PDB file of N, CA and C in Angstrom:
ATOM      1  N   MET A   1     -33.195 -29.261  66.062  1.00  0.00           N
ATOM      2  CA  MET A   1     -31.756 -29.259  66.263  1.00  0.00           C
ATOM      3  C   MET A   1     -31.480 -28.849  67.704  1.00  0.00           C
ATOM      4  N   ASP A   2     -30.486 -29.467  68.259  1.00  0.00           N
ATOM      5  CA  ASP A   2     -30.057 -29.168  69.619  1.00  0.00           C
ATOM      6  C   ASP A   2     -28.599 -28.735  69.531  1.00  0.00           C
ATOM      7  N   THR A   3     -28.177 -27.816  70.348  1.00  0.00           N
ATOM      8  CA  THR A   3     -26.772 -27.420  70.381  1.00  0.00           C
ATOM      9  C   THR A   3     -26.244 -27.573  71.791  1.00  0.00           C
ATOM     10  N   PHE A   4     -24.960 -27.697  71.898  1.00  0.00           N
ATOM     11  CA  PHE A   4     -24.334 -27.876  73.201  1.00  0.00           C
ATOM     12  C   PHE A   4     -22.955 -27.257  73.147  1.00  0.00           C
ATOM     13  N   ASP A   5     -22.663 -26.377  74.073  1.00  0.00           N
ATOM     14  CA  ASP A   5     -21.330 -25.797  74.184  1.00  0.00           C
ATOM     15  C   ASP A   5     -20.699 -26.343  75.454  1.00  0.00           C
ATOM     16  N   PRO A   6     -19.677 -27.197  75.326  1.00  0.00           N
ATOM     17  CA  PRO A   6     -19.087 -27.805  76.517  1.00  0.00           C
ATOM     18  C   PRO A   6     -18.410 -26.809  77.446  1.00  0.00           C
ATOM     19  N   HIS A   7     -18.194 -25.575  76.998  1.00  0.00           N
ATOM     20  CA  HIS A   7     -17.527 -24.568  77.815  1.00  0.00           C
ATOM     21  C   HIS A   7     -18.512 -23.701  78.599  1.00  0.00           C
ATOM     22  N   ASP A   8     -19.798 -23.851  78.324  1.00  0.00           N
ATOM     23  CA  ASP A   8     -20.815 -23.052  78.992  1.00  0.00           C
ATOM     24  C   ASP A   8     -21.368 -23.830  80.182  1.00  0.00           C
ATOM     25  N   PRO A   9     -21.097 -23.365  81.419  1.00  0.00           N
ATOM     26  CA  PRO A   9     -21.560 -24.123  82.587  1.00  0.00           C
ATOM     27  C   PRO A   9     -23.081 -24.205  82.681  1.00  0.00           C
ATOM     28  N   HIS A  10     -23.792 -23.294  82.044  1.00  0.00           N
ATOM     29  CA  HIS A  10     -25.250 -23.335  82.071  1.00  0.00           C
ATOM     30  C   HIS A  10     -25.817 -24.444  81.193  1.00  0.00           C
ATOM     31  N   GLU A  11     -24.979 -25.006  80.312  1.00  0.00           N
ATOM     32  CA  GLU A  11     -25.428 -26.057  79.428  1.00  0.00           C
ATOM     33  C   GLU A  11     -25.440 -27.427  80.103  1.00  0.00           C
ATOM     34  N   HIS A  12     -24.745 -27.552  81.203  1.00  0.00           N
ATOM     35  CA  HIS A  12     -24.699 -28.850  81.881  1.00  0.00           C
ATOM     36  C   HIS A  12     -26.101 -29.184  82.382  1.00  0.00           C
ATOM     37  N   PRO A  13     -26.574 -30.434  82.211  1.00  0.00           N
ATOM     38  CA  PRO A  13     -27.938 -30.783  82.608  1.00  0.00           C
ATOM     39  C   PRO A  13     -28.254 -30.476  84.066  1.00  0.00           C
ATOM     40  N   HIS A  14     -27.275 -30.558  84.963  1.00  0.00           N
ATOM     41  CA  HIS A  14     -27.541 -30.274  86.366  1.00  0.00           C
ATOM     42  C   HIS A  14     -27.695 -28.777  86.609  1.00  0.00           C
ATOM     43  N   ALA A  15     -27.099 -27.939  85.768  1.00  0.00           N
ATOM     44  CA  ALA A  15     -27.207 -26.490  85.913  1.00  0.00           C
ATOM     45  C   ALA A  15     -28.466 -25.967  85.219  1.00  0.00           C
ATOM     46  N   ASN A  16     -28.964 -26.713  84.246  1.00  0.00           N
ATOM     47  CA  ASN A  16     -30.129 -26.287  83.494  1.00  0.00           C
ATOM     48  C   ASN A  16     -31.106 -27.460  83.403  1.00  0.00           C
ATOM     49  N   PRO A  17     -31.965 -27.643  84.405  1.00  0.00           N
ATOM     50  CA  PRO A  17     -32.865 -28.799  84.437  1.00  0.00           C
ATOM     51  C   PRO A  17     -33.776 -28.914  83.216  1.00  0.00           C
ATOM     52  N   ALA A  18     -34.080 -27.799  82.560  1.00  0.00           N
ATOM     53  CA  ALA A  18     -34.937 -27.861  81.373  1.00  0.00           C
ATOM     54  C   ALA A  18     -34.287 -28.669  80.260  1.00  0.00           C
ATOM     55  N   ARG A  19     -32.949 -28.721  80.247  1.00  0.00           N
ATOM     56  CA  ARG A  19     -32.240 -29.471  79.213  1.00  0.00           C
ATOM     57  C   ARG A  19     -31.892 -30.888  79.667  1.00  0.00           C
ATOM     58  N   ALA A  20     -32.093 -31.199  80.911  1.00  0.00           N
ATOM     59  CA  ALA A  20     -31.650 -32.483  81.456  1.00  0.00           C
ATOM     60  C   ALA A  20     -32.309 -33.670  80.771  1.00  0.00           C
ATOM     61  N   HIS A  21     -33.545 -33.522  80.318  1.00  0.00           N
ATOM     62  CA  HIS A  21     -34.213 -34.638  79.661  1.00  0.00           C
ATOM     63  C   HIS A  21     -33.680 -34.902  78.262  1.00  0.00           C
ATOM     64  N   ARG A  22     -32.947 -33.960  77.697  1.00  0.00           N
ATOM     65  CA  ARG A  22     -32.453 -34.111  76.323  1.00  0.00           C
ATOM     66  C   ARG A  22     -30.990 -34.488  76.250  1.00  0.00           C
ATOM     67  N   LEU A  23     -30.206 -34.163  77.257  1.00  0.00           N
ATOM     68  CA  LEU A  23     -28.767 -34.395  77.191  1.00  0.00           C
ATOM     69  C   LEU A  23     -28.324 -35.380  78.260  1.00  0.00           C
ATOM     70  N   PRO A  24     -27.485 -36.342  77.885  1.00  0.00           N
ATOM     71  CA  PRO A  24     -26.918 -37.203  78.914  1.00  0.00           C
ATOM     72  C   PRO A  24     -25.949 -36.394  79.757  1.00  0.00           C
ATOM     73  N   ALA A  25     -25.560 -36.914  80.914  1.00  0.00           N
ATOM     74  CA  ALA A  25     -24.694 -36.182  81.841  1.00  0.00           C
ATOM     75  C   ALA A  25     -23.409 -35.713  81.178  1.00  0.00           C
ATOM     76  N   ALA A  26     -22.883 -36.457  80.223  1.00  0.00           N
ATOM     77  CA  ALA A  26     -21.636 -36.086  79.565  1.00  0.00           C
ATOM     78  C   ALA A  26     -21.860 -35.207  78.344  1.00  0.00           C
ATOM     79  N   GLY A  27     -23.076 -34.820  78.050  1.00  0.00           N
ATOM     80  CA  GLY A  27     -23.361 -33.996  76.883  1.00  0.00           C
ATOM     81  C   GLY A  27     -23.379 -34.820  75.607  1.00  0.00           C
ATOM     82  N   PRO A  28     -23.508 -34.149  74.454  1.00  0.00           N
ATOM     83  CA  PRO A  28     -23.612 -34.855  73.189  1.00  0.00           C
ATOM     84  C   PRO A  28     -22.420 -35.738  72.864  1.00  0.00           C
ATOM     85  N   ALA A  29     -21.262 -35.434  73.413  1.00  0.00           N
ATOM     86  CA  ALA A  29     -20.090 -36.256  73.107  1.00  0.00           C
ATOM     87  C   ALA A  29     -20.334 -37.721  73.453  1.00  0.00           C
ATOM     88  N   ALA A  30     -21.155 -37.967  74.466  1.00  0.00           N
ATOM     89  CA  ALA A  30     -21.449 -39.350  74.847  1.00  0.00           C
ATOM     90  C   ALA A  30     -22.237 -40.069  73.755  1.00  0.00           C
ATOM     91  N   ARG A  31     -22.943 -39.329  72.949  1.00  0.00           N
ATOM     92  CA  ARG A  31     -23.742 -39.926  71.868  1.00  0.00           C
ATOM     93  C   ARG A  31     -22.911 -40.208  70.619  1.00  0.00           C
ATOM     94  N   PHE A  32     -21.781 -39.543  70.489  1.00  0.00           N
ATOM     95  CA  PHE A  32     -21.004 -39.606  69.253  1.00  0.00           C
ATOM     96  C   PHE A  32     -19.585 -40.100  69.541  1.00  0.00           C
ATOM     97  N   PRO A  33     -19.318 -41.373  69.313  1.00  0.00           N
ATOM     98  CA  PRO A  33     -17.981 -41.898  69.592  1.00  0.00           C
ATOM     99  C   PRO A  33     -16.922 -41.226  68.724  1.00  0.00           C
ATOM    100  N   ASP A  34     -15.746 -40.999  69.301  1.00  0.00           N
ATOM    101  CA  ASP A  34     -14.665 -40.314  68.583  1.00  0.00           C
ATOM    102  C   ASP A  34     -14.300 -40.972  67.263  1.00  0.00           C
ATOM    103  N   HIS A  35     -14.306 -42.289  67.218  1.00  0.00           N
ATOM    104  CA  HIS A  35     -13.880 -42.984  65.999  1.00  0.00           C
ATOM    105  C   HIS A  35     -14.866 -42.827  64.841  1.00  0.00           C
ATOM    106  N   ALA A  36     -16.060 -42.323  65.095  1.00  0.00           N
ATOM    107  CA  ALA A  36     -17.084 -42.244  64.055  1.00  0.00           C
ATOM    108  C   ALA A  36     -17.198 -40.876  63.382  1.00  0.00           C
ATOM    109  N   TRP A  37     -16.383 -39.901  63.772  1.00  0.00           N
ATOM    110  CA  TRP A  37     -16.418 -38.590  63.116  1.00  0.00           C
ATOM    111  C   TRP A  37     -15.789 -38.704  61.737  1.00  0.00           C
ATOM    112  N   ARG A  38     -16.436 -38.114  60.720  1.00  0.00           N
ATOM    113  CA  ARG A  38     -15.960 -38.182  59.336  1.00  0.00           C
ATOM    114  C   ARG A  38     -15.868 -36.778  58.743  1.00  0.00           C
ATOM    115  N   LYS A  39     -14.774 -36.545  57.997  1.00  0.00           N
ATOM    116  CA  LYS A  39     -14.589 -35.297  57.252  1.00  0.00           C
ATOM    117  C   LYS A  39     -14.823 -35.589  55.773  1.00  0.00           C
ATOM    118  N   PRO A  40     -15.231 -34.587  55.004  1.00  0.00           N
ATOM    119  CA  PRO A  40     -15.340 -34.783  53.556  1.00  0.00           C
ATOM    120  C   PRO A  40     -13.975 -35.075  52.953  1.00  0.00           C
ATOM    121  N   ALA A  41     -13.941 -35.867  51.897  1.00  0.00           N
ATOM    122  CA  ALA A  41     -12.690 -36.201  51.222  1.00  0.00           C
ATOM    123  C   ALA A  41     -11.989 -34.943  50.708  1.00  0.00           C
ATOM    124  N   ALA A  42     -12.750 -33.922  50.359  1.00  0.00           N
ATOM    125  CA  ALA A  42     -12.168 -32.683  49.834  1.00  0.00           C
ATOM    126  C   ALA A  42     -11.314 -31.957  50.869  1.00  0.00           C
ATOM    127  N   CYS A  43     -11.476 -32.265  52.138  1.00  0.00           N
ATOM    128  CA  CYS A  43     -10.681 -31.615  53.181  1.00  0.00           C
ATOM    129  C   CYS A  43      -9.208 -31.965  53.050  1.00  0.00           C
ATOM    130  N   GLY A  44      -8.911 -33.183  52.728  1.00  0.00           N
ATOM    131  CA  GLY A  44      -7.522 -33.606  52.612  1.00  0.00           C
ATOM    132  C   GLY A  44      -6.816 -33.579  53.952  1.00  0.00           C
ATOM    133  N   PRO A  45      -5.616 -34.117  54.007  1.00  0.00           N
ATOM    134  CA  PRO A  45      -4.895 -34.204  55.275  1.00  0.00           C
ATOM    135  C   PRO A  45      -4.326 -32.879  55.773  1.00  0.00           C
ATOM    136  N   ASN A  46      -4.185 -31.875  54.898  1.00  0.00           N
ATOM    137  CA  ASN A  46      -3.535 -30.621  55.285  1.00  0.00           C
ATOM    138  C   ASN A  46      -4.498 -29.473  55.548  1.00  0.00           C
ATOM    139  N   SER A  47      -5.780 -29.708  55.391  1.00  0.00           N
ATOM    140  CA  SER A  47      -6.751 -28.633  55.578  1.00  0.00           C
ATOM    141  C   SER A  47      -7.493 -28.813  56.887  1.00  0.00           C
ATOM    142  N   GLY A  48      -7.511 -27.788  57.719  1.00  0.00           N
ATOM    143  CA  GLY A  48      -8.221 -27.869  58.980  1.00  0.00           C
ATOM    144  C   GLY A  48      -9.559 -27.161  58.947  1.00  0.00           C
ATOM    145  N   ASN A  49      -9.923 -26.572  57.814  1.00  0.00           N
ATOM    146  CA  ASN A  49     -11.152 -25.794  57.721  1.00  0.00           C
ATOM    147  C   ASN A  49     -12.302 -26.649  57.202  1.00  0.00           C
ATOM    148  N   CYS A  50     -12.706 -27.605  58.007  1.00  0.00           N
ATOM    149  CA  CYS A  50     -13.753 -28.531  57.595  1.00  0.00           C
ATOM    150  C   CYS A  50     -14.721 -28.761  58.743  1.00  0.00           C
ATOM    151  N   VAL A  51     -15.860 -29.277  58.386  1.00  0.00           N
ATOM    152  CA  VAL A  51     -16.785 -29.757  59.404  1.00  0.00           C
ATOM    153  C   VAL A  51     -16.698 -31.271  59.413  1.00  0.00           C
ATOM    154  N   GLU A  52     -17.030 -31.842  60.555  1.00  0.00           N
ATOM    155  CA  GLU A  52     -17.060 -33.287  60.690  1.00  0.00           C
ATOM    156  C   GLU A  52     -18.487 -33.697  61.011  1.00  0.00           C
ATOM    157  N   VAL A  53     -18.876 -34.866  60.519  1.00  0.00           N
ATOM    158  CA  VAL A  53     -20.220 -35.383  60.723  1.00  0.00           C
ATOM    159  C   VAL A  53     -20.108 -36.746  61.379  1.00  0.00           C
ATOM    160  N   ASN A  54     -21.049 -37.024  62.277  1.00  0.00           N
ATOM    161  CA  ASN A  54     -21.085 -38.292  62.990  1.00  0.00           C
ATOM    162  C   ASN A  54     -22.525 -38.792  62.981  1.00  0.00           C
ATOM    163  N   LEU A  55     -22.747 -39.947  62.365  1.00  0.00           N
ATOM    164  CA  LEU A  55     -24.075 -40.545  62.315  1.00  0.00           C
ATOM    165  C   LEU A  55     -24.202 -41.505  63.481  1.00  0.00           C
ATOM    166  N   ALA A  56     -24.881 -41.067  64.526  1.00  0.00           N
ATOM    167  CA  ALA A  56     -24.990 -41.856  65.751  1.00  0.00           C
ATOM    168  C   ALA A  56     -26.011 -42.980  65.588  1.00  0.00           C
ATOM    169  N   ALA A  57     -25.842 -44.016  66.383  1.00  0.00           N
ATOM    170  CA  ALA A  57     -26.718 -45.171  66.335  1.00  0.00           C
ATOM    171  C   ALA A  57     -28.155 -44.822  66.697  1.00  0.00           C
ATOM    172  N   GLN A  58     -28.367 -43.772  67.468  1.00  0.00           N
ATOM    173  CA  GLN A  58     -29.709 -43.389  67.902  1.00  0.00           C
ATOM    174  C   GLN A  58     -30.495 -42.635  66.831  1.00  0.00           C
ATOM    175  N   GLY A  59     -29.975 -42.554  65.614  1.00  0.00           N
ATOM    176  CA  GLY A  59     -30.643 -41.810  64.557  1.00  0.00           C
ATOM    177  C   GLY A  59     -30.350 -40.329  64.599  1.00  0.00           C
ATOM    178  N   LEU A  60     -29.387 -39.923  65.417  1.00  0.00           N
ATOM    179  CA  LEU A  60     -28.998 -38.524  65.505  1.00  0.00           C
ATOM    180  C   LEU A  60     -27.764 -38.275  64.646  1.00  0.00           C
ATOM    181  N   VAL A  61     -27.620 -37.034  64.209  1.00  0.00           N
ATOM    182  CA  VAL A  61     -26.461 -36.624  63.416  1.00  0.00           C
ATOM    183  C   VAL A  61     -25.783 -35.479  64.147  1.00  0.00           C
ATOM    184  N   GLY A  62     -24.491 -35.633  64.417  1.00  0.00           N
ATOM    185  CA  GLY A  62     -23.706 -34.588  65.052  1.00  0.00           C
ATOM    186  C   GLY A  62     -22.833 -33.899  64.029  1.00  0.00           C
ATOM    187  N   VAL A  63     -22.685 -32.595  64.161  1.00  0.00           N
ATOM    188  CA  VAL A  63     -21.835 -31.801  63.273  1.00  0.00           C
ATOM    189  C   VAL A  63     -20.960 -30.919  64.154  1.00  0.00           C
ATOM    190  N   ARG A  64     -19.656 -30.903  63.865  1.00  0.00           N
ATOM    191  CA  ARG A  64     -18.740 -30.055  64.630  1.00  0.00           C
ATOM    192  C   ARG A  64     -17.678 -29.477  63.712  1.00  0.00           C
ATOM    193  N   ASP A  65     -16.982 -28.454  64.200  1.00  0.00           N
ATOM    194  CA  ASP A  65     -15.915 -27.772  63.468  1.00  0.00           C
ATOM    195  C   ASP A  65     -14.602 -28.479  63.754  1.00  0.00           C
ATOM    196  N   SER A  66     -13.958 -28.993  62.727  1.00  0.00           N
ATOM    197  CA  SER A  66     -12.749 -29.797  62.915  1.00  0.00           C
ATOM    198  C   SER A  66     -11.541 -28.978  63.381  1.00  0.00           C
ATOM    199  N   LYS A  67     -11.555 -27.669  63.168  1.00  0.00           N
ATOM    200  CA  LYS A  67     -10.369 -26.875  63.540  1.00  0.00           C
ATOM    201  C   LYS A  67     -10.426 -26.372  64.982  1.00  0.00           C
ATOM    202  N   ILE A  68     -11.530 -26.639  65.689  1.00  0.00           N
ATOM    203  CA  ILE A  68     -11.675 -26.187  67.064  1.00  0.00           C
ATOM    204  C   ILE A  68     -11.650 -27.399  67.989  1.00  0.00           C
ATOM    205  N   ASP A  69     -10.627 -27.479  68.826  1.00  0.00           N
ATOM    206  CA  ASP A  69     -10.611 -28.530  69.832  1.00  0.00           C
ATOM    207  C   ASP A  69     -11.816 -28.323  70.740  1.00  0.00           C
ATOM    208  N   SER A  70     -12.475 -29.362  71.115  1.00  0.00           N
ATOM    209  CA  SER A  70     -13.674 -29.295  71.967  1.00  0.00           C
ATOM    210  C   SER A  70     -14.766 -28.434  71.328  1.00  0.00           C
ATOM    211  N   SER A  71     -14.930 -28.564  70.026  1.00  0.00           N
ATOM    212  CA  SER A  71     -15.954 -27.808  69.314  1.00  0.00           C
ATOM    213  C   SER A  71     -17.341 -28.122  69.849  1.00  0.00           C
ATOM    214  N   PRO A  72     -18.219 -27.104  69.915  1.00  0.00           N
ATOM    215  CA  PRO A  72     -19.617 -27.409  70.205  1.00  0.00           C
ATOM    216  C   PRO A  72     -20.154 -28.362  69.134  1.00  0.00           C
ATOM    217  N   VAL A  73     -21.121 -29.167  69.495  1.00  0.00           N
ATOM    218  CA  VAL A  73     -21.708 -30.134  68.575  1.00  0.00           C
ATOM    219  C   VAL A  73     -23.137 -29.700  68.272  1.00  0.00           C
ATOM    220  N   LEU A  74     -23.458 -29.560  66.988  1.00  0.00           N
ATOM    221  CA  LEU A  74     -24.837 -29.346  66.568  1.00  0.00           C
ATOM    222  C   LEU A  74     -25.456 -30.727  66.416  1.00  0.00           C
ATOM    223  N   VAL A  75     -26.625 -30.934  66.994  1.00  0.00           N
ATOM    224  CA  VAL A  75     -27.264 -32.239  66.961  1.00  0.00           C
ATOM    225  C   VAL A  75     -28.585 -32.124  66.199  1.00  0.00           C
ATOM    226  N   PHE A  76     -28.706 -32.921  65.137  1.00  0.00           N
ATOM    227  CA  PHE A  76     -29.908 -32.959  64.313  1.00  0.00           C
ATOM    228  C   PHE A  76     -30.562 -34.326  64.451  1.00  0.00           C
ATOM    229  N   ASP A  77     -31.893 -34.381  64.346  1.00  0.00           N
ATOM    230  CA  ASP A  77     -32.503 -35.691  64.185  1.00  0.00           C
ATOM    231  C   ASP A  77     -32.418 -36.028  62.697  1.00  0.00           C
ATOM    232  N   ARG A  78     -32.759 -37.238  62.337  1.00  0.00           N
ATOM    233  CA  ARG A  78     -32.556 -37.685  60.955  1.00  0.00           C
ATOM    234  C   ARG A  78     -33.367 -36.854  59.954  1.00  0.00           C
ATOM    235  N   GLY A  79     -34.593 -36.482  60.299  1.00  0.00           N
ATOM    236  CA  GLY A  79     -35.408 -35.672  59.393  1.00  0.00           C
ATOM    237  C   GLY A  79     -34.817 -34.293  59.156  1.00  0.00           C
ATOM    238  N   GLU A  80     -34.333 -33.663  60.223  1.00  0.00           N
ATOM    239  CA  GLU A  80     -33.697 -32.342  60.092  1.00  0.00           C
ATOM    240  C   GLU A  80     -32.459 -32.438  59.210  1.00  0.00           C
ATOM    241  N   TRP A  81     -31.669 -33.485  59.408  1.00  0.00           N
ATOM    242  CA  TRP A  81     -30.450 -33.669  58.615  1.00  0.00           C
ATOM    243  C   TRP A  81     -30.788 -33.870  57.145  1.00  0.00           C
ATOM    244  N   ASP A  82     -31.780 -34.708  56.853  1.00  0.00           N
ATOM    245  CA  ASP A  82     -32.181 -34.947  55.462  1.00  0.00           C
ATOM    246  C   ASP A  82     -32.645 -33.661  54.789  1.00  0.00           C
ATOM    247  N   GLU A  83     -33.393 -32.834  55.517  1.00  0.00           N
ATOM    248  CA  GLU A  83     -33.839 -31.552  54.969  1.00  0.00           C
ATOM    249  C   GLU A  83     -32.658 -30.623  54.704  1.00  0.00           C
ATOM    250  N   PHE A  84     -31.696 -30.585  55.619  1.00  0.00           N
ATOM    251  CA  PHE A  84     -30.513 -29.745  55.440  1.00  0.00           C
ATOM    252  C   PHE A  84     -29.722 -30.182  54.203  1.00  0.00           C
ATOM    253  N   VAL A  85     -29.467 -31.474  54.078  1.00  0.00           N
ATOM    254  CA  VAL A  85     -28.704 -31.982  52.926  1.00  0.00           C
ATOM    255  C   VAL A  85     -29.443 -31.678  51.625  1.00  0.00           C
ATOM    256  N   SER A  86     -30.750 -31.833  51.610  1.00  0.00           N
ATOM    257  CA  SER A  86     -31.539 -31.513  50.408  1.00  0.00           C
ATOM    258  C   SER A  86     -31.419 -30.038  50.052  1.00  0.00           C
ATOM    259  N   ALA A  87     -31.466 -29.163  51.052  1.00  0.00           N
ATOM    260  CA  ALA A  87     -31.339 -27.720  50.807  1.00  0.00           C
ATOM    261  C   ALA A  87     -29.964 -27.376  50.254  1.00  0.00           C
ATOM    262  N   VAL A  88     -28.922 -28.026  50.760  1.00  0.00           N
ATOM    263  CA  VAL A  88     -27.566 -27.806  50.232  1.00  0.00           C
ATOM    264  C   VAL A  88     -27.510 -28.215  48.772  1.00  0.00           C
ATOM    265  N   ARG A  89     -28.057 -29.371  48.461  1.00  0.00           N
ATOM    266  CA  ARG A  89     -28.037 -29.864  47.072  1.00  0.00           C
ATOM    267  C   ARG A  89     -28.828 -28.960  46.133  1.00  0.00           C
ATOM    268  N   ARG A  90     -29.875 -28.307  46.644  1.00  0.00           N
ATOM    269  CA  ARG A  90     -30.648 -27.369  45.836  1.00  0.00           C
ATOM    270  C   ARG A  90     -29.952 -26.014  45.682  1.00  0.00           C
ATOM    271  N   GLY A  91     -28.870 -25.803  46.414  1.00  0.00           N
ATOM    272  CA  GLY A  91     -28.127 -24.551  46.333  1.00  0.00           C
ATOM    273  C   GLY A  91     -28.687 -23.436  47.186  1.00  0.00           C
ATOM    274  N   GLU A  92     -29.505 -23.760  48.176  1.00  0.00           N
ATOM    275  CA  GLU A  92     -30.127 -22.720  48.993  1.00  0.00           C
ATOM    276  C   GLU A  92     -29.146 -21.921  49.835  1.00  0.00           C
ATOM    277  N   PHE A  93     -27.952 -22.438  50.043  1.00  0.00           N
ATOM    278  CA  PHE A  93     -26.973 -21.728  50.867  1.00  0.00           C
ATOM    279  C   PHE A  93     -25.818 -21.166  50.053  1.00  0.00           C
ATOM    280  N   ASP A  94     -25.907 -21.269  48.744  1.00  0.00           N
ATOM    281  CA  ASP A  94     -24.864 -20.725  47.884  1.00  0.00           C
ATOM    282  C   ASP A  94     -24.880 -19.204  47.956  1.00  0.00           C
ATOM    283  N   GLY A  95     -23.720 -18.618  48.132  1.00  0.00           N
ATOM    284  CA  GLY A  95     -23.630 -17.191  48.345  1.00  0.00           C
ATOM    285  C   GLY A  95     -23.499 -16.445  47.111  1.00  0.00           C
TER     286      GLY A  95
END
C-alpha cells in the first residue's frame, strides 16, 4: 500500500526522490479520474461519512474519505485490495 498526502510538501516526488519512481508528478490523483470514485449505496445522498473507492485502469485501487476535500488517497495493488476485502468479509475488523 502506498499513501499520499497532497498537503505534505515532503510527499511531492521532487522533494522526496525516493518516492519519485512510485508517484507521478501530480500524485495519485493523476491515476484516479474524478468520475470513477464510487461510494457504497448505504451512504445515501445525505451522509458524508463514507469512504470512496476508485478502481484504476492500472490495476490499482484508491481509497479516500468522502467528507474531506482533498483527502489523502490510500493506494493498494489488486492483491492487497483483495486481501483487505476478504478480511472485512471474515469480520476481522469488527469491533
